[in-house]
C-alpha cells in the first residue's frame, strides 16, 4: 500500500539538539518529513548520533534521508571528532587525486554514522577571500578546474555509497553579499553566466543532487525580489529543460535571510516547489516547516498543477532513497568509525 502524498514529504528538516524530546518526536512523526539534516548542535558523539538516527527511522516510515554539510574547512560539522580539515581551496592546490581521497574519507565517515547525503561539493566560482559566503569553500575561479575537482569529490563520495550535491546553482561566486543574511544580486550577462554553469553541464549526469541557491539573476528572472530557489525560469527552464538535469533538486535553507522574507505562512516553500525544487530545506525552525507543509497541501488542493508537482517531487525523493539507502547496520560500529576517522589524518597537513 502506497503512502499518502502530503507536503511534509517534500521537506528536509533540522531539530534543536542531540536528543529527541517527547514533543519534537511527536511533531516529527506527524510531519513525516522526507529527511533530517544534521548540524553540530545535534552531534554529541558517534554513538549518540547513531542512536538519534535509529530513533528517527522509527518515527518516519519508509527510508528517510539523512543529510549533512560536510565540505571541509569552515563548513565541517564533524570537526570536533575528526579535527581540522582542508578547505576546497586547499584541496585544489593538491590536485584532483587529493580531492578524491578526501571525499572518500568523508564518505566512509558519513556511512559509518548512517548518513547518506553530503551537501558538497561547492562549485561556485570564487576567489578564496571573497566576501560572498563562499570564499575558500570554492575550488577556484576557473570553470574547468572547478569541474575537475568537483568530479573527483563526487566520485570519492559515490565510491563509499554516499551521495554528493553540486551547489549553489546557478552560481554565487560573483557577488559580495552572503545569502545567509540578504539577497545577493548576480549581474552576469548570459554569456558570462555560462562559466558558472559549466560544472553543472559537465557533471549533471553523475551528480545525485543539485542545490539551488538564493541569489537573484536579472538576466534569468525579471522579478528583482525573487531568488533562484523560487524561480521557475531558473529551476525548471534552465536546470531541468536547458541543462536536462534529471536528479534530485534541493533548495538551500528556506530560513536564510535572502528568502525568509518571502516565507510568510510557508509561501516560499510553495514557490520553490512550483519552481521545480523537490527537497525543501528548513534547517532550524520546525514550526516554519510545519507551516510550509500546510501551505503546500492547501495550494495542492486548489491547484492541480501544484498537486502534480508535489507528487513528482515525492517520486524523485523516493527514487533517491532507493538509490542511496542509509547504512543502518550496527555491526562493528566502533571499528568502522575508528577506521573512518583515522583516514583524515593525512589531510591535516594540508590545513
Protein backbone atom coordinates (compact mmCIF):
# COMPACT_ATOMS: atom_id res chain seq x y z
CA UNK A 1 0.00 0.00 0.00
CA UNK A 2 1.47 3.35 -1.03
CA UNK A 3 1.97 6.12 1.47
CA UNK A 4 -0.19 9.24 1.12
CA UNK A 5 1.42 12.21 -0.60
CA UNK A 6 1.50 15.35 1.53
CA UNK A 7 3.59 18.47 1.91
CA UNK A 8 5.77 17.18 4.73
CA UNK A 9 7.22 14.55 2.46
CA UNK A 10 8.93 17.30 0.42
CA UNK A 11 10.76 18.71 3.46
CA UNK A 12 14.20 18.14 4.94
CA UNK A 13 14.15 19.47 8.48
CA UNK A 14 16.51 20.17 11.37
CA UNK A 15 15.94 19.74 15.08
CA UNK A 16 17.25 21.75 18.00
CA UNK A 17 19.59 19.40 19.82
CA UNK A 18 21.17 15.96 20.19
CA UNK A 19 18.13 14.19 21.67
CA UNK A 20 14.51 13.51 20.85
CA UNK A 21 12.19 15.21 23.30
CA UNK A 22 8.68 13.78 23.52
CA UNK A 23 7.29 16.92 21.90
CA UNK A 24 9.75 17.02 19.00
CA UNK A 25 9.38 13.30 18.33
CA UNK A 26 5.60 13.67 18.20
CA UNK A 27 5.78 16.65 15.84
CA UNK A 28 8.25 14.93 13.51
CA UNK A 29 6.11 11.79 13.42
CA UNK A 30 3.11 13.93 12.47
CA UNK A 31 5.01 15.97 9.87
CA UNK A 32 6.59 12.85 8.34
CA UNK A 33 9.38 14.75 6.55
CA UNK A 34 11.48 13.39 3.72
CA UNK A 35 14.51 13.55 5.94
CA UNK A 36 16.68 15.14 8.60
CA UNK A 37 19.65 17.49 8.24
CA UNK A 38 22.29 17.40 10.96
CA UNK A 39 24.35 20.25 12.43
CA UNK A 40 26.95 20.43 15.18
CA UNK A 41 24.18 21.09 17.69
CA UNK A 42 22.92 17.56 17.01
CA UNK A 43 26.26 15.78 17.37
CA UNK A 44 27.37 14.75 20.86
CA UNK A 45 29.24 11.54 19.95
CA UNK A 46 29.28 8.94 17.17
CA UNK A 47 27.36 6.55 19.40
CA UNK A 48 24.75 9.20 20.17
CA UNK A 49 24.22 10.15 16.53
CA UNK A 50 23.64 6.54 15.55
CA UNK A 51 21.03 6.26 18.32
CA UNK A 52 19.43 9.53 17.20
CA UNK A 53 19.10 8.21 13.65
CA UNK A 54 17.74 4.82 14.73
CA UNK A 55 15.00 6.71 16.56
CA UNK A 56 14.39 8.98 13.57
CA UNK A 57 13.87 5.99 11.32
CA UNK A 58 11.34 4.62 13.80
CA UNK A 59 9.43 7.90 13.73
CA UNK A 60 9.30 8.29 9.96
CA UNK A 61 8.14 5.43 7.78
CA UNK A 62 9.96 4.30 4.66
CA UNK A 63 13.58 5.25 4.03
CA UNK A 64 14.08 8.87 5.13
CA UNK A 65 17.11 10.83 4.00
CA UNK A 66 19.78 11.88 6.49
CA UNK A 67 21.95 14.75 5.25
CA UNK A 68 24.78 16.95 6.45
CA UNK A 69 27.03 19.78 5.19
CA UNK A 70 30.46 18.18 5.39
CA UNK A 71 32.60 20.13 2.94
CA UNK A 72 35.81 20.51 4.92
CA UNK A 73 37.40 23.73 6.11
CA UNK A 74 35.00 26.04 7.93
CA UNK A 75 31.94 24.01 6.93
CA UNK A 76 32.80 20.82 8.77
CA UNK A 77 30.10 19.56 11.14
CA UNK A 78 32.32 16.64 12.17
CA UNK A 79 35.33 18.79 13.10
CA UNK A 80 35.09 18.10 16.87
CA UNK A 81 35.53 14.39 16.07
CA UNK A 82 37.88 14.37 13.08
CA UNK A 83 39.94 17.52 13.64
CA UNK A 84 40.60 20.45 11.32
CA UNK A 85 40.20 19.62 7.63
CA UNK A 86 41.31 21.34 4.42
CA UNK A 87 39.15 23.77 2.50
CA UNK A 88 38.26 23.26 -1.13
CA UNK A 89 40.89 25.88 -1.96
CA UNK A 90 43.48 23.83 -0.03
CA UNK A 91 42.48 20.66 -1.88
CA UNK A 92 42.59 22.40 -5.25
CA UNK A 93 46.24 23.22 -4.56
CA UNK A 94 46.99 19.49 -4.26
CA UNK A 95 45.02 18.34 -7.29
CA UNK A 96 42.06 16.08 -8.05
CA UNK A 97 43.70 12.99 -6.53
CA UNK A 98 43.82 14.58 -3.07
CA UNK A 99 40.30 15.79 -3.54
CA UNK A 100 39.07 12.29 -4.39
CA UNK A 101 40.89 10.76 -1.40
CA UNK A 102 39.50 13.38 0.98
CA UNK A 103 35.97 12.83 -0.28
CA UNK A 104 36.36 9.05 0.07
CA UNK A 105 37.42 9.54 3.70
CA UNK A 106 34.39 11.79 4.17
CA UNK A 107 32.12 9.18 2.61
CA UNK A 108 33.44 6.44 4.87
CA UNK A 109 32.86 8.58 7.96
CA UNK A 110 29.33 9.53 6.94
CA UNK A 111 28.43 5.97 6.00
CA UNK A 112 29.67 4.73 9.38
CA UNK A 113 27.26 7.17 11.04
CA UNK A 114 24.26 6.27 8.85
CA UNK A 115 24.30 9.48 6.76
CA UNK A 116 23.72 9.06 3.03
CA UNK A 117 23.75 12.62 1.64
CA UNK A 118 26.54 15.17 1.84
CA UNK A 119 25.68 18.68 0.62
CA UNK A 120 29.06 19.05 -1.07
CA UNK A 121 30.98 19.95 -3.20
CA UNK A 122 30.62 23.68 -3.72
CA UNK A 123 31.05 24.55 -7.41
CA UNK A 124 30.58 28.33 -7.21
CA UNK A 125 33.46 30.14 -8.94
CA UNK A 126 35.03 32.28 -6.25
CA UNK A 127 38.28 33.80 -5.02
CA UNK A 128 39.26 32.37 -1.61
CA UNK A 129 38.93 35.74 0.18
CA UNK A 130 35.68 36.89 -1.47
CA UNK A 131 33.07 38.30 0.97
CA UNK A 132 30.23 36.28 -0.54
CA UNK A 133 29.77 33.44 1.94
CA UNK A 134 31.72 31.15 -0.44
CA UNK A 135 35.39 32.16 -0.48
CA UNK A 136 37.69 29.23 0.26
CA UNK A 137 34.77 26.81 0.06
CA UNK A 138 35.30 27.06 -3.71
CA UNK A 139 37.89 25.19 -5.77
CA UNK A 140 38.68 28.44 -7.60
CA UNK A 141 37.57 30.65 -10.45
CA UNK A 142 38.45 28.51 -13.47
CA UNK A 143 35.32 26.59 -14.51
CA UNK A 144 37.32 23.69 -15.93
CA UNK A 145 39.46 23.34 -12.81
CA UNK A 146 36.43 23.58 -10.54
CA UNK A 147 34.69 20.90 -12.61
CA UNK A 148 37.72 18.59 -12.47
CA UNK A 149 37.98 18.84 -8.68
CA UNK A 150 34.24 18.58 -8.14
CA UNK A 151 34.14 15.44 -10.28
CA UNK A 152 36.84 13.91 -8.08
CA UNK A 153 34.93 14.87 -4.93
CA UNK A 154 31.68 13.35 -6.22
CA UNK A 155 33.48 10.17 -7.27
CA UNK A 156 35.11 9.86 -3.85
CA UNK A 157 31.75 10.06 -2.10
CA UNK A 158 29.99 7.79 -4.57
CA UNK A 159 32.67 5.15 -4.12
CA UNK A 160 31.54 4.93 -0.48
CA UNK A 161 27.85 4.84 -1.48
CA UNK A 162 27.24 8.38 -0.22
CA UNK A 163 25.53 10.95 -2.46
CA UNK A 164 27.13 14.30 -3.18
CA UNK A 165 25.47 17.54 -4.20
CA UNK A 166 26.56 20.34 -6.53
CA UNK A 167 25.81 23.79 -5.09
CA UNK A 168 24.75 26.64 -5.29
CA UNK A 169 23.02 26.68 -8.69
CA UNK A 170 23.44 28.66 -10.87
CA UNK A 171 26.44 30.22 -9.06
CA UNK A 172 27.05 32.64 -6.17
CA UNK A 173 30.70 33.45 -6.77
CA UNK A 174 30.14 36.82 -8.46
CA UNK A 175 28.61 38.70 -5.53
CA UNK A 176 29.73 40.45 -2.35
CA UNK A 177 26.61 39.55 -0.35
CA UNK A 178 26.18 36.39 1.74
CA UNK A 179 22.75 34.84 1.09
CA UNK A 180 22.60 33.74 4.72
CA UNK A 181 21.91 37.40 5.50
CA UNK A 182 20.42 39.12 2.43
CA UNK A 183 19.53 38.58 -1.22
CA UNK A 184 22.65 38.64 -3.45
CA UNK A 185 22.22 40.00 -6.97
CA UNK A 186 24.38 38.34 -9.62
CA UNK A 187 24.58 40.73 -12.57
CA UNK A 188 26.43 38.49 -15.03
CA UNK A 189 25.11 38.55 -18.58
CA UNK A 190 24.04 35.26 -20.13
CA UNK A 191 27.39 34.65 -21.82
CA UNK A 192 29.33 35.21 -18.58
CA UNK A 193 26.91 33.02 -16.68
CA UNK A 194 27.90 30.10 -18.90
CA UNK A 195 31.15 29.83 -16.94
CA UNK A 196 29.17 29.30 -13.71
CA UNK A 197 27.01 26.69 -15.42
CA UNK A 198 29.95 24.67 -16.76
CA UNK A 199 30.25 22.31 -13.74
CA UNK A 200 26.53 21.54 -13.92
CA UNK A 201 26.68 20.88 -17.65
CA UNK A 202 29.62 18.53 -17.26
CA UNK A 203 28.66 16.76 -14.02
CA UNK A 204 24.87 16.69 -14.11
CA UNK A 205 24.83 13.10 -15.29
CA UNK A 206 26.71 11.87 -12.19
CA UNK A 207 25.54 14.32 -9.52
CA UNK A 208 22.72 12.76 -7.46
CA UNK A 209 21.60 16.17 -6.15
CA UNK A 210 21.82 19.82 -7.19
CA UNK A 211 21.12 22.55 -4.63
CA UNK A 212 19.65 25.81 -5.90
CA UNK A 213 20.92 28.92 -4.16
CA UNK A 214 19.14 32.10 -3.14
CA UNK A 215 20.81 34.61 -5.44
CA UNK A 216 18.81 36.78 -7.83
CA UNK A 217 19.81 36.76 -11.52
CA UNK A 218 18.27 39.66 -13.52
CA UNK A 219 19.30 38.05 -16.80
CA UNK A 220 17.16 35.00 -15.92
CA UNK A 221 14.24 36.44 -13.93
CA UNK A 222 12.83 39.97 -14.14
CA UNK A 223 11.37 39.99 -10.59
CA UNK A 224 14.06 41.80 -8.54
CA UNK A 225 12.94 40.20 -5.27
CA UNK A 226 12.84 36.59 -6.43
CA UNK A 227 15.73 34.26 -5.53
CA UNK A 228 16.75 31.46 -7.86
CA UNK A 229 15.31 28.86 -5.49
CA UNK A 230 11.82 30.28 -6.05
CA UNK A 231 12.20 30.98 -9.78
CA UNK A 232 10.69 28.65 -12.37
CA UNK A 233 12.87 30.33 -15.00
CA UNK A 234 15.97 29.19 -13.12
CA UNK A 235 14.98 25.76 -11.79
CA UNK A 236 12.59 24.37 -14.38
CA UNK A 237 13.56 26.26 -17.52
CA UNK A 238 17.34 26.41 -17.06
CA UNK A 239 18.28 23.45 -14.86
CA UNK A 240 15.65 20.92 -15.91
CA UNK A 241 14.94 21.90 -19.50
CA UNK A 242 18.09 23.54 -20.87
CA UNK A 243 20.66 21.51 -18.91
CA UNK A 244 18.43 18.40 -18.82
CA UNK A 245 19.21 17.62 -15.20
CA UNK A 246 17.12 14.68 -14.01
CA UNK A 247 18.35 14.15 -10.46
CA UNK A 248 17.03 15.44 -7.16
CA UNK A 249 16.82 19.23 -6.84
CA UNK A 250 17.09 20.72 -3.35
CA UNK A 251 16.51 24.28 -2.26
CA UNK A 252 19.01 25.92 0.02
CA UNK A 253 17.71 26.59 3.54
CA UNK A 254 14.42 28.49 3.22
CA UNK A 255 15.08 30.15 6.57
CA UNK A 256 18.07 32.10 5.23
CA UNK A 257 17.93 35.89 5.10
CA UNK A 258 17.79 36.03 1.30
CA UNK A 259 14.44 34.25 1.21
CA UNK A 260 12.93 34.29 4.70
CA UNK A 261 11.01 37.49 3.97
CA UNK A 262 9.05 35.59 1.28
CA UNK A 263 8.15 32.75 3.59
CA UNK A 264 5.15 34.14 5.46
CA UNK A 265 2.96 31.13 6.26
CA UNK A 266 5.14 28.84 4.13
CA UNK A 267 4.74 30.72 0.86
CA UNK A 268 8.40 30.33 -0.15
CA UNK A 269 8.04 26.54 0.06
CA UNK A 270 5.13 26.64 -2.37
CA UNK A 271 7.10 28.93 -4.69
CA UNK A 272 10.19 26.70 -4.56
CA UNK A 273 8.11 23.59 -5.24
CA UNK A 274 6.35 25.25 -8.19
CA UNK A 275 9.72 26.44 -9.48
CA UNK A 276 10.89 22.82 -9.69
CA UNK A 277 12.66 22.12 -6.39
CA UNK A 278 11.90 18.69 -4.92
CA UNK A 279 13.52 18.72 -1.49
CA UNK A 280 12.80 21.86 0.54
CA UNK A 281 15.09 22.67 3.45
CA UNK A 282 14.04 24.07 6.83
CA UNK A 283 17.18 23.67 8.87
CA UNK A 284 16.25 25.06 12.30
CA UNK A 285 12.64 26.02 12.86
CA UNK A 286 10.26 23.08 12.97
CA UNK A 287 7.27 25.40 13.27
CA UNK A 288 8.16 27.01 9.94
CA UNK A 289 8.48 23.57 8.38
CA UNK A 290 5.03 22.69 9.68
CA UNK A 291 3.58 25.87 8.18
CA UNK A 292 5.32 25.11 4.89
CA UNK A 293 3.81 21.60 4.74
CA UNK A 294 0.36 23.02 5.42
CA UNK A 295 0.84 25.70 2.76
CA UNK A 296 1.88 23.12 0.17
CA UNK A 297 -1.15 20.96 0.92
CA UNK A 298 -3.50 23.96 0.80
CA UNK A 299 -2.11 25.04 -2.57
CA UNK A 300 -2.28 21.48 -3.91
CA UNK A 301 -5.96 21.19 -3.01
CA UNK A 302 -6.82 24.29 -5.02
CA UNK A 303 -4.39 23.91 -7.94
CA UNK A 304 -3.91 20.65 -9.84
CA UNK A 305 -0.50 21.85 -11.09
CA UNK A 306 0.81 22.20 -7.54
CA UNK A 307 -0.59 18.78 -6.68
CA UNK A 308 1.16 17.25 -9.71
CA UNK A 309 4.43 19.00 -8.80
CA UNK A 310 4.14 17.76 -5.21
CA UNK A 311 3.65 14.18 -6.42
CA UNK A 312 6.57 14.43 -8.83
CA UNK A 313 8.82 15.79 -6.07
CA UNK A 314 7.92 12.91 -3.75
CA UNK A 315 8.60 10.37 -6.50
CA UNK A 316 12.06 11.87 -7.06
CA UNK A 317 12.78 11.82 -3.32
CA UNK A 318 11.71 8.17 -3.13
CA UNK A 319 13.91 7.32 -6.11
CA UNK A 320 16.86 8.96 -4.39
CA UNK A 321 16.18 6.97 -1.20
CA UNK A 322 16.16 3.72 -3.19
CA UNK A 323 19.40 4.64 -4.94
CA UNK A 324 21.12 5.68 -1.70
CA UNK A 325 19.78 3.63 1.18
CA UNK A 326 21.29 4.54 4.53
CA UNK A 327 23.64 2.03 6.09
CA UNK A 328 21.66 1.32 9.25
CA UNK A 329 23.81 -1.65 10.28
CA UNK A 330 25.19 -1.53 13.82
CA UNK A 331 27.73 -4.30 13.21
CA UNK A 332 31.27 -3.25 14.17
CA UNK A 333 30.17 0.39 14.52
CA UNK A 334 33.09 1.39 16.73
CA UNK A 335 35.63 -0.32 14.48
CA UNK A 336 34.18 1.24 11.33
CA UNK A 337 34.11 4.71 12.87
CA UNK A 338 37.68 4.42 14.20
CA UNK A 339 38.95 3.45 10.76
CA UNK A 340 36.93 6.16 9.04
CA UNK A 341 38.06 8.96 11.34
CA UNK A 342 41.70 7.85 11.16
CA UNK A 343 41.58 8.29 7.37
CA UNK A 344 41.54 12.07 7.83
CA UNK A 345 44.98 12.15 9.46
CA UNK A 346 46.95 12.70 6.20
CA UNK A 347 44.83 15.73 5.34
CA UNK A 348 45.65 17.71 8.48
CA UNK A 349 48.99 18.59 6.89
CA UNK A 350 47.10 20.46 4.15
CA UNK A 351 45.50 22.92 6.58
